C-alpha cells in the first residue's frame, strides 16, 4: 500500500443505468438519479451509435483518522531509545 493512499473503498467503477436515443431523455434520467446527494452521475455520448448512456457511482466518504489520546505523547526514535535504556537501567 502506498503512502498517499486514502482510506477509501477501492470500488470507483461507474454503473450503467441505460442507453437513450436523445440527450434530453438521458439528461432527465441523470437529473432524477442525481437528486441523491451520495451519487455522482454523468451522460456519455456513444459516437458510433449516436446514443447517450447514463452512468452513476456512489460518492465515497473519507474515513476520519482516530484522534490520539491526550495522555499519550509522541516521541522521536531517539527519545524512545533513551527511554527504553532508562527503563532497563531501572530494572537492573
C-alpha atoms as a PDB file:
ATOM      1  CA  UNK A   1       0.000   0.000   0.000  1.00  0.00           C
ATOM      2  CA  UNK A   2       1.429   3.364  -0.924  1.00  0.00           C
ATOM      3  CA  UNK A   3       1.935   6.254   1.461  1.00  0.00           C
ATOM      4  CA  UNK A   4      -0.521   8.502  -0.397  1.00  0.00           C
ATOM      5  CA  UNK A   5      -3.444   6.085  -0.397  1.00  0.00           C
ATOM      6  CA  UNK A   6      -6.554   7.309   1.369  1.00  0.00           C
ATOM      7  CA  UNK A   7      -8.777   5.118   3.477  1.00  0.00           C
ATOM      8  CA  UNK A   8     -11.392   4.688   0.788  1.00  0.00           C
ATOM      9  CA  UNK A   9     -13.084   1.767  -0.801  1.00  0.00           C
ATOM     10  CA  UNK A  10     -11.337   0.697  -3.983  1.00  0.00           C
ATOM     11  CA  UNK A  11     -14.645   0.387  -5.882  1.00  0.00           C
ATOM     12  CA  UNK A  12     -14.856   3.524  -8.018  1.00  0.00           C
ATOM     13  CA  UNK A  13     -16.467   1.961 -11.064  1.00  0.00           C
ATOM     14  CA  UNK A  14     -19.346   3.556 -12.912  1.00  0.00           C
ATOM     15  CA  UNK A  15     -22.582   1.588 -13.226  1.00  0.00           C
ATOM     16  CA  UNK A  16     -24.527   1.888 -16.449  1.00  0.00           C
ATOM     17  CA  UNK A  17     -28.176   2.880 -15.999  1.00  0.00           C
ATOM     18  CA  UNK A  18     -29.343   2.793 -19.589  1.00  0.00           C
ATOM     19  CA  UNK A  19     -28.940   3.924 -23.185  1.00  0.00           C
ATOM     20  CA  UNK A  20     -31.104   6.645 -24.684  1.00  0.00           C
ATOM     21  CA  UNK A  21     -31.568   7.868 -28.256  1.00  0.00           C
ATOM     22  CA  UNK A  22     -31.600  11.574 -27.302  1.00  0.00           C
ATOM     23  CA  UNK A  23     -29.640  13.698 -24.873  1.00  0.00           C
ATOM     24  CA  UNK A  24     -32.838  15.131 -23.350  1.00  0.00           C
ATOM     25  CA  UNK A  25     -34.028  11.661 -22.277  1.00  0.00           C
ATOM     26  CA  UNK A  26     -30.623  10.796 -20.849  1.00  0.00           C
ATOM     27  CA  UNK A  27     -30.352  14.123 -19.021  1.00  0.00           C
ATOM     28  CA  UNK A  28     -33.813  13.654 -17.478  1.00  0.00           C
ATOM     29  CA  UNK A  29     -32.742  10.260 -16.112  1.00  0.00           C
ATOM     30  CA  UNK A  30     -29.419  11.733 -14.900  1.00  0.00           C
ATOM     31  CA  UNK A  31     -31.238  14.525 -13.044  1.00  0.00           C
ATOM     32  CA  UNK A  32     -33.623  12.056 -11.412  1.00  0.00           C
ATOM     33  CA  UNK A  33     -30.746   9.883 -10.158  1.00  0.00           C
ATOM     34  CA  UNK A  34     -28.684  12.958  -9.218  1.00  0.00           C
ATOM     35  CA  UNK A  35     -31.249  14.018  -6.603  1.00  0.00           C
ATOM     36  CA  UNK A  36     -29.498  11.638  -4.219  1.00  0.00           C
ATOM     37  CA  UNK A  37     -26.515  13.581  -2.756  1.00  0.00           C
ATOM     38  CA  UNK A  38     -24.482  10.372  -2.277  1.00  0.00           C
ATOM     39  CA  UNK A  39     -24.368   9.637  -6.017  1.00  0.00           C
ATOM     40  CA  UNK A  40     -22.382  11.080  -8.914  1.00  0.00           C
ATOM     41  CA  UNK A  41     -23.908  10.884 -12.390  1.00  0.00           C
ATOM     42  CA  UNK A  42     -22.772  11.516 -15.942  1.00  0.00           C
ATOM     43  CA  UNK A  43     -24.024  11.251 -19.503  1.00  0.00           C
ATOM     44  CA  UNK A  44     -21.694   9.785 -22.128  1.00  0.00           C
ATOM     45  CA  UNK A  45     -22.185  10.110 -25.863  1.00  0.00           C
ATOM     46  CA  UNK A  46     -21.637   6.979 -27.926  1.00  0.00           C
ATOM     47  CA  UNK A  47     -20.314   8.331 -31.237  1.00  0.00           C
ATOM     48  CA  UNK A  48     -20.661   5.153 -33.289  1.00  0.00           C
ATOM     49  CA  UNK A  49     -24.302   4.560 -32.388  1.00  0.00           C
ATOM     50  CA  UNK A  50     -25.192   8.237 -31.808  1.00  0.00           C
ATOM     51  CA  UNK A  51     -26.712   7.208 -28.468  1.00  0.00           C
ATOM     52  CA  UNK A  52     -26.273   8.514 -24.925  1.00  0.00           C
ATOM     53  CA  UNK A  53     -25.604   6.387 -21.873  1.00  0.00           C
ATOM     54  CA  UNK A  54     -26.199   7.382 -18.259  1.00  0.00           C
ATOM     55  CA  UNK A  55     -23.760   6.207 -15.603  1.00  0.00           C
ATOM     56  CA  UNK A  56     -23.663   6.629 -11.830  1.00  0.00           C
ATOM     57  CA  UNK A  57     -21.441   5.797  -8.881  1.00  0.00           C
ATOM     58  CA  UNK A  58     -21.676   6.250  -5.149  1.00  0.00           C
ATOM     59  CA  UNK A  59     -19.654   9.037  -3.580  1.00  0.00           C
ATOM     60  CA  UNK A  60     -17.116   7.568  -1.216  1.00  0.00           C
ATOM     61  CA  UNK A  61     -16.781   9.357   2.084  1.00  0.00           C
ATOM     62  CA  UNK A  62     -13.356   9.736   3.637  1.00  0.00           C
ATOM     63  CA  UNK A  63     -12.828   7.916   6.888  1.00  0.00           C
ATOM     64  CA  UNK A  64     -11.603  10.292   9.547  1.00  0.00           C
ATOM     65  CA  UNK A  65      -8.498   9.300  11.437  1.00  0.00           C
ATOM     66  CA  UNK A  66      -8.845   8.442  15.079  1.00  0.00           C
ATOM     67  CA  UNK A  67      -7.622  11.157  17.368  1.00  0.00           C
ATOM     68  CA  UNK A  68      -4.684  10.338  19.570  1.00  0.00           C
ATOM     69  CA  UNK A  69      -5.409  10.112  23.243  1.00  0.00           C
ATOM     70  CA  UNK A  70      -4.359  13.309  25.022  1.00  0.00           C
ATOM     71  CA  UNK A  71      -2.362  11.365  27.632  1.00  0.00           C
ATOM     72  CA  UNK A  72      -0.047   9.763  25.128  1.00  0.00           C
ATOM     73  CA  UNK A  73       2.873  11.816  23.864  1.00  0.00           C
ATOM     74  CA  UNK A  74       4.566  11.120  20.582  1.00  0.00           C
ATOM     75  CA  UNK A  75       8.283  10.594  20.958  1.00  0.00           C
ATOM     76  CA  UNK A  76      11.008  10.631  18.367  1.00  0.00           C
ATOM     77  CA  UNK A  77      13.029   7.482  17.736  1.00  0.00           C
ATOM     78  CA  UNK A  78      15.928   8.879  19.713  1.00  0.00           C
ATOM     79  CA  UNK A  79      13.714   9.705  22.690  1.00  0.00           C
ATOM     80  CA  UNK A  80      12.136   6.230  22.598  1.00  0.00           C
ATOM     81  CA  UNK A  81      15.561   4.619  22.517  1.00  0.00           C
ATOM     82  CA  UNK A  82      16.782   6.613  25.501  1.00  0.00           C
ATOM     83  CA  UNK A  83      13.593   5.926  27.470  1.00  0.00           C
ATOM     84  CA  UNK A  84      13.987   2.176  26.835  1.00  0.00           C
ATOM     85  CA  UNK A  85      17.566   2.340  28.059  1.00  0.00           C
ATOM     86  CA  UNK A  86      16.453   4.194  31.189  1.00  0.00           C
ATOM     87  CA  UNK A  87      13.760   1.580  31.907  1.00  0.00           C
ATOM     88  CA  UNK A  88      16.269  -1.229  31.545  1.00  0.00           C
ATOM     89  CA  UNK A  89      18.683   0.569  33.880  1.00  0.00           C
ATOM     90  CA  UNK A  90      15.944   0.990  36.480  1.00  0.00           C
ATOM     91  CA  UNK A  91      15.099  -2.729  36.394  1.00  0.00           C
ATOM     92  CA  UNK A  92      18.721  -3.742  36.864  1.00  0.00           C
END
